[in-house]
Amino acid sequence: MTKIQGLILALVSVGTFTGAYFFYRPAPPKPEVYAPAAKQSDGSIILERKPDPKLRAKLQLPKGGKLEREMSVTVKPKQPVLTNSTAMIRAADCPPCPPVTVDLDLVKMPDDSRRVIAKSPDGEIINAVDIPVEPAKPPAPELKWAAGPAWNPVSRKFGAWADRDLGPFRVGVQVNQGEVKGFDYWVKAGVRF
């Protein structure tokens, strides 16, 4: 192999490696930042967002679960409206109900599903529903191929290699500049661990 052929092989290998790195590299997730609470026209509230990477779960997590979000909502119950036909007392005679707090945790389970845990220090939760709207994201495709350049600094010879994962096995081929002329071919096989 001439120096020009070796240089071309090296450039193609580096280009392939660099292209694969940029095309298959997942984008880093955007960090969540503070956002104030906001009241909407229908009376609902968008919760205040206060990121805290050091937060520890207050509630007991299911086995294998990982805390993703912790939420807390405090509700002031409305004063009951009573009429003389339904009660013997007036609404003004009823003491106001104290605020009720509900703590919620969003947990990622080992199977990549999500679960919500709820608890109230002010009472017993008698009904709770979690209705997923989006299907779970499919796992990222497993990359089974690898390729790149090879360089021997002692003999100053170039080469290229390609590997393929087949279940628990890895097979590959490597082509190097020969010692005299031409190419040396290597076939590789191994077990992944």
Protein backbone atom coordinates (compact mmCIF):
# COMPACT_ATOMS: atom_id res chain seq x y z
CA MET A 1 0.00 0.00 0.00
CA THR A 2 1.40 3.37 -0.93
CA LYS A 3 1.46 6.36 1.37
CA ILE A 4 -1.36 7.97 -0.61
CA GLN A 5 -3.53 4.86 -0.32
CA GLY A 6 -2.80 4.73 3.43
CA LEU A 7 -3.66 8.40 3.78
CA ILE A 8 -6.93 7.93 1.87
CA LEU A 9 -7.78 4.88 4.01
CA ALA A 10 -7.04 6.87 7.18
CA LEU A 11 -9.14 9.85 6.03
CA VAL A 12 -12.09 7.61 5.09
CA SER A 13 -11.85 5.79 8.43
CA VAL A 14 -11.64 9.01 10.44
CA GLY A 15 -14.50 10.52 8.42
CA THR A 16 -16.65 7.44 9.00
CA PHE A 17 -15.90 7.42 12.72
CA THR A 18 -16.55 11.16 13.07
CA GLY A 19 -19.78 11.00 11.06
CA ALA A 20 -21.08 8.06 13.09
CA TYR A 21 -20.23 9.88 16.31
CA PHE A 22 -22.21 12.98 15.35
CA PHE A 23 -25.16 11.20 13.69
CA TYR A 24 -25.75 8.51 16.32
CA ARG A 25 -24.91 10.50 19.44
CA PRO A 26 -28.13 11.36 21.32
CA ALA A 27 -28.61 15.02 22.12
CA PRO A 28 -28.12 15.81 25.81
CA PRO A 29 -31.40 16.52 27.63
CA LYS A 30 -32.20 20.18 28.25
CA PRO A 31 -31.87 21.06 31.92
CA GLU A 32 -35.06 22.11 33.63
CA VAL A 33 -34.89 25.54 35.23
CA TYR A 34 -37.01 27.38 37.78
CA ALA A 35 -40.49 28.43 36.63
CA PRO A 36 -43.07 30.24 38.77
CA ALA A 37 -46.58 28.94 39.38
CA ALA A 38 -49.25 30.21 36.99
CA LYS A 39 -53.02 30.24 37.37
CA GLN A 40 -54.98 29.38 34.24
CA SER A 41 -58.36 30.68 33.09
CA ASP A 42 -60.15 27.44 34.05
CA GLY A 43 -58.91 27.75 37.65
CA SER A 44 -56.18 25.13 37.32
CA ILE A 45 -52.64 25.87 38.47
CA ILE A 46 -49.40 25.13 36.64
CA LEU A 47 -47.17 24.07 39.52
CA GLU A 48 -44.09 26.06 40.45
CA ARG A 49 -40.99 24.22 39.21
CA LYS A 50 -37.98 24.24 41.55
CA PRO A 51 -35.26 21.84 40.29
CA ASP A 52 -33.25 20.15 43.04
CA PRO A 53 -30.87 17.37 41.89
CA LYS A 54 -30.08 16.47 45.51
CA LEU A 55 -33.72 15.81 46.45
CA ARG A 56 -34.44 12.55 48.26
CA ALA A 57 -37.82 10.81 48.11
CA LYS A 58 -40.12 11.53 51.07
CA LEU A 59 -42.44 8.69 50.15
CA GLN A 60 -41.61 5.00 50.02
CA LEU A 61 -40.59 4.01 46.47
CA PRO A 62 -41.52 0.65 44.91
CA LYS A 63 -38.68 -1.86 44.57
CA GLY A 64 -36.36 -0.80 41.74
CA GLY A 65 -38.12 2.56 41.31
CA LYS A 66 -36.17 5.78 40.76
CA LEU A 67 -37.58 9.16 41.81
CA GLU A 68 -38.09 11.49 38.82
CA ARG A 69 -40.31 14.23 40.26
CA GLU A 70 -41.73 15.18 43.61
CA MET A 71 -44.85 17.33 43.79
CA SER A 72 -46.94 18.75 46.59
CA VAL A 73 -50.38 20.36 46.34
CA THR A 74 -52.22 22.11 49.18
CA VAL A 75 -55.96 22.57 48.73
CA LYS A 76 -58.27 24.84 50.72
CA PRO A 77 -61.69 23.14 50.65
CA LYS A 78 -64.64 25.32 49.70
CA GLN A 79 -67.14 26.24 52.37
CA PRO A 80 -70.20 24.01 51.96
CA VAL A 81 -73.36 25.64 50.68
CA LEU A 82 -76.29 24.44 52.76
CA THR A 83 -79.94 25.27 52.39
CA ASN A 84 -82.69 25.01 54.98
CA SER A 85 -84.21 22.15 53.04
CA THR A 86 -81.05 20.01 53.24
CA ALA A 87 -79.77 20.91 56.70
CA MET A 88 -80.89 22.32 59.95
CA ILE A 89 -77.87 24.61 60.29
CA ARG A 90 -76.73 27.56 58.25
CA ALA A 91 -73.48 27.50 56.22
CA ALA A 92 -72.19 30.41 58.29
CA ASP A 93 -72.41 28.20 61.39
CA CYS A 94 -70.03 25.58 59.89
CA PRO A 95 -66.37 26.00 60.83
CA PRO A 96 -64.07 26.35 57.79
CA CYS A 97 -62.34 23.17 56.67
CA PRO A 98 -58.55 23.22 57.15
CA PRO A 99 -56.25 23.06 54.09
CA VAL A 100 -55.32 19.59 52.86
CA THR A 101 -51.88 18.74 51.43
CA VAL A 102 -51.24 15.87 49.01
CA ASP A 103 -47.66 14.79 48.21
CA LEU A 104 -47.02 13.08 44.87
CA ASP A 105 -43.92 11.32 43.52
CA LEU A 106 -43.35 10.36 39.88
CA VAL A 107 -41.24 7.19 39.80
CA LYS A 108 -39.46 5.51 36.88
CA MET A 109 -39.71 1.74 37.19
CA PRO A 110 -37.10 -0.80 36.01
CA ASP A 111 -39.23 -1.60 32.92
CA ASP A 112 -39.10 2.15 31.95
CA SER A 113 -42.77 2.67 32.86
CA ARG A 114 -43.81 5.46 35.23
CA ARG A 115 -45.83 5.21 38.46
CA VAL A 116 -47.28 7.96 40.66
CA ILE A 117 -47.24 7.63 44.45
CA ALA A 118 -49.58 9.78 46.57
CA LYS A 119 -49.80 10.43 50.31
CA SER A 120 -51.44 13.08 52.47
CA PRO A 121 -50.26 14.05 55.96
CA ASP A 122 -53.73 15.54 56.52
CA GLY A 123 -55.88 12.51 55.78
CA GLU A 124 -56.35 9.19 54.05
CA ILE A 125 -56.40 9.02 50.25
CA ILE A 126 -59.55 7.15 49.29
CA ASN A 127 -59.23 7.26 45.50
CA ALA A 128 -56.34 7.91 43.11
CA VAL A 129 -55.96 7.38 39.36
CA ASP A 130 -52.95 7.66 37.02
CA ILE A 131 -53.92 7.73 33.35
CA PRO A 132 -50.95 7.61 30.94
CA VAL A 133 -51.72 9.57 27.76
CA GLU A 134 -48.48 9.06 25.81
CA PRO A 135 -47.18 5.57 25.12
CA ALA A 136 -43.81 4.84 26.70
CA LYS A 137 -40.89 5.78 24.47
CA PRO A 138 -39.35 2.76 22.79
CA PRO A 139 -35.82 2.01 23.91
CA ALA A 140 -33.04 3.42 21.75
CA PRO A 141 -32.01 0.99 19.03
CA GLU A 142 -29.04 -1.14 19.97
CA LEU A 143 -26.05 -0.27 17.83
CA LYS A 144 -24.52 -3.51 16.54
CA TRP A 145 -21.81 -2.23 14.21
CA ALA A 146 -18.50 -0.50 14.97
CA ALA A 147 -15.76 0.62 12.58
CA GLY A 148 -12.65 2.74 12.73
CA PRO A 149 -9.09 3.34 11.70
CA ALA A 150 -6.07 1.38 12.95
CA TRP A 151 -2.53 2.70 13.30
CA ASN A 152 0.66 0.95 14.30
CA PRO A 153 3.08 3.61 15.60
CA VAL A 154 6.05 1.21 15.52
CA SER A 155 5.79 0.20 11.85
CA ARG A 156 3.91 3.38 10.89
CA LYS A 157 1.32 1.41 8.99
CA PHE A 158 -2.40 2.17 8.63
CA GLY A 159 -5.40 -0.10 8.68
CA ALA A 160 -9.14 -0.21 9.18
CA TRP A 161 -11.45 -2.49 11.12
CA ALA A 162 -15.15 -3.33 11.39
CA ASP A 163 -16.91 -5.31 14.13
CA ARG A 164 -20.46 -6.68 14.43
CA ASP A 165 -22.26 -7.82 17.57
CA LEU A 166 -24.23 -11.05 17.20
CA GLY A 167 -26.01 -11.62 20.50
CA PRO A 168 -23.32 -12.44 23.08
CA PHE A 169 -20.62 -12.71 20.37
CA ARG A 170 -18.57 -10.11 18.53
CA VAL A 171 -17.00 -10.81 15.15
CA GLY A 172 -14.88 -8.54 13.04
CA VAL A 173 -12.31 -8.04 10.36
CA GLN A 174 -9.22 -5.85 10.26
CA VAL A 175 -7.23 -4.88 7.19
CA ASN A 176 -3.71 -3.49 7.66
CA GLN A 177 -0.88 -2.45 5.36
CA GLY A 178 1.34 -5.45 4.80
CA GLU A 179 4.97 -5.58 5.91
CA VAL A 180 6.27 -6.11 2.37
CA LYS A 181 3.40 -4.96 0.17
CA GLY A 182 -0.32 -5.45 -0.11
CA PHE A 183 -2.58 -6.03 2.85
CA ASP A 184 -2.75 -8.23 5.94
CA TYR A 185 -6.22 -9.49 6.84
CA TRP A 186 -7.30 -10.40 10.34
CA VAL A 187 -10.56 -12.10 11.26
CA LYS A 188 -11.65 -11.62 14.88
CA ALA A 189 -14.19 -13.42 17.08
CA GLY A 190 -14.94 -13.01 20.76
CA VAL A 191 -17.51 -13.05 23.53
CA ARG A 192 -19.06 -9.84 24.90
CA PHE A 193 -19.08 -9.38 28.67
